[in-house]
């Protein structure tokens, strides 16, 4: 594995973790919210990740 590919993998993991933490923070901030601006109930958000297989070139 070359060094640039290792950086790509690390950066991808950091982006995924940032998305996860932002979603958790949003859910916590809206913990006591009973409805959205549109009038519907607030629904928590979940992060769904998918793994991608790296192709060796």
C-alpha atoms as a PDB file:
ATOM      1  CA  UNK A   1       0.000   0.000   0.000  1.00  0.00           C
ATOM      2  CA  UNK A   2       1.582   3.271  -1.018  1.00  0.00           C
ATOM      3  CA  UNK A   3       1.578   6.273   1.296  1.00  0.00           C
ATOM      4  CA  UNK A   4      -1.004   8.255  -0.690  1.00  0.00           C
ATOM      5  CA  UNK A   5      -3.520   5.427  -0.508  1.00  0.00           C
ATOM      6  CA  UNK A   6      -2.944   5.232   3.252  1.00  0.00           C
ATOM      7  CA  UNK A   7      -3.696   8.962   3.489  1.00  0.00           C
ATOM      8  CA  UNK A   8      -6.877   8.473   1.459  1.00  0.00           C
ATOM      9  CA  UNK A   9      -8.057   5.721   3.790  1.00  0.00           C
ATOM     10  CA  UNK A  10      -7.286   7.823   6.859  1.00  0.00           C
ATOM     11  CA  UNK A  11      -9.037  10.881   5.419  1.00  0.00           C
ATOM     12  CA  UNK A  12     -12.105   8.818   4.554  1.00  0.00           C
ATOM     13  CA  UNK A  13     -12.283   7.482   8.108  1.00  0.00           C
ATOM     14  CA  UNK A  14     -11.984  10.992   9.531  1.00  0.00           C
ATOM     15  CA  UNK A  15     -14.795  12.272   7.307  1.00  0.00           C
ATOM     16  CA  UNK A  16     -17.003   9.367   8.393  1.00  0.00           C
ATOM     17  CA  UNK A  17     -16.253  10.046  12.066  1.00  0.00           C
ATOM     18  CA  UNK A  18     -16.949  13.772  11.624  1.00  0.00           C
ATOM     19  CA  UNK A  19     -20.311  12.982  10.030  1.00  0.00           C
ATOM     20  CA  UNK A  20     -21.132  10.596  12.873  1.00  0.00           C
ATOM     21  CA  UNK A  21     -20.222  13.147  15.557  1.00  0.00           C
ATOM     22  CA  UNK A  22     -22.179  15.958  13.838  1.00  0.00           C
ATOM     23  CA  UNK A  23     -25.235  13.721  13.630  1.00  0.00           C
ATOM     24  CA  UNK A  24     -24.986  12.793  17.311  1.00  0.00           C
ATOM     25  CA  UNK A  25     -24.611  16.471  18.238  1.00  0.00           C
ATOM     26  CA  UNK A  26     -27.668  17.364  16.160  1.00  0.00           C
ATOM     27  CA  UNK A  27     -29.714  14.623  17.804  1.00  0.00           C
ATOM     28  CA  UNK A  28     -28.641  15.800  21.261  1.00  0.00           C
ATOM     29  CA  UNK A  29     -29.421  19.429  20.430  1.00  0.00           C
ATOM     30  CA  UNK A  30     -32.926  18.446  19.362  1.00  0.00           C
ATOM     31  CA  UNK A  31     -33.544  16.105  22.284  1.00  0.00           C
ATOM     32  CA  UNK A  32     -36.494  18.113  23.596  1.00  0.00           C
ATOM     33  CA  UNK A  33     -37.844  19.202  20.216  1.00  0.00           C
ATOM     34  CA  UNK A  34     -41.421  18.057  19.794  1.00  0.00           C
ATOM     35  CA  UNK A  35     -41.953  19.140  16.210  1.00  0.00           C
ATOM     36  CA  UNK A  36     -40.098  20.395  13.189  1.00  0.00           C
ATOM     37  CA  UNK A  37     -40.703  23.774  11.495  1.00  0.00           C
ATOM     38  CA  UNK A  38     -42.940  21.912   9.020  1.00  0.00           C
ATOM     39  CA  UNK A  39     -45.116  20.724  11.918  1.00  0.00           C
ATOM     40  CA  UNK A  40     -44.159  17.050  11.907  1.00  0.00           C
ATOM     41  CA  UNK A  41     -42.488  15.204  14.766  1.00  0.00           C
ATOM     42  CA  UNK A  42     -38.719  15.414  15.114  1.00  0.00           C
ATOM     43  CA  UNK A  43     -37.077  12.169  14.114  1.00  0.00           C
ATOM     44  CA  UNK A  44     -33.546  11.339  15.081  1.00  0.00           C
ATOM     45  CA  UNK A  45     -31.012  10.983  12.342  1.00  0.00           C
ATOM     46  CA  UNK A  46     -28.838   7.924  11.909  1.00  0.00           C
ATOM     47  CA  UNK A  47     -25.584   7.586  10.036  1.00  0.00           C
ATOM     48  CA  UNK A  48     -25.404   4.629   7.704  1.00  0.00           C
ATOM     49  CA  UNK A  49     -21.972   3.829   6.372  1.00  0.00           C
ATOM     50  CA  UNK A  50     -20.961   1.398   3.693  1.00  0.00           C
ATOM     51  CA  UNK A  51     -17.577  -0.103   3.144  1.00  0.00           C
ATOM     52  CA  UNK A  52     -15.922   0.126  -0.205  1.00  0.00           C
ATOM     53  CA  UNK A  53     -13.352  -2.349  -1.332  1.00  0.00           C
ATOM     54  CA  UNK A  54     -10.114  -0.728  -2.431  1.00  0.00           C
ATOM     55  CA  UNK A  55      -8.875  -1.853  -5.805  1.00  0.00           C
ATOM     56  CA  UNK A  56      -5.194  -2.588  -5.980  1.00  0.00           C
ATOM     57  CA  UNK A  57      -3.738  -0.980  -9.065  1.00  0.00           C
END
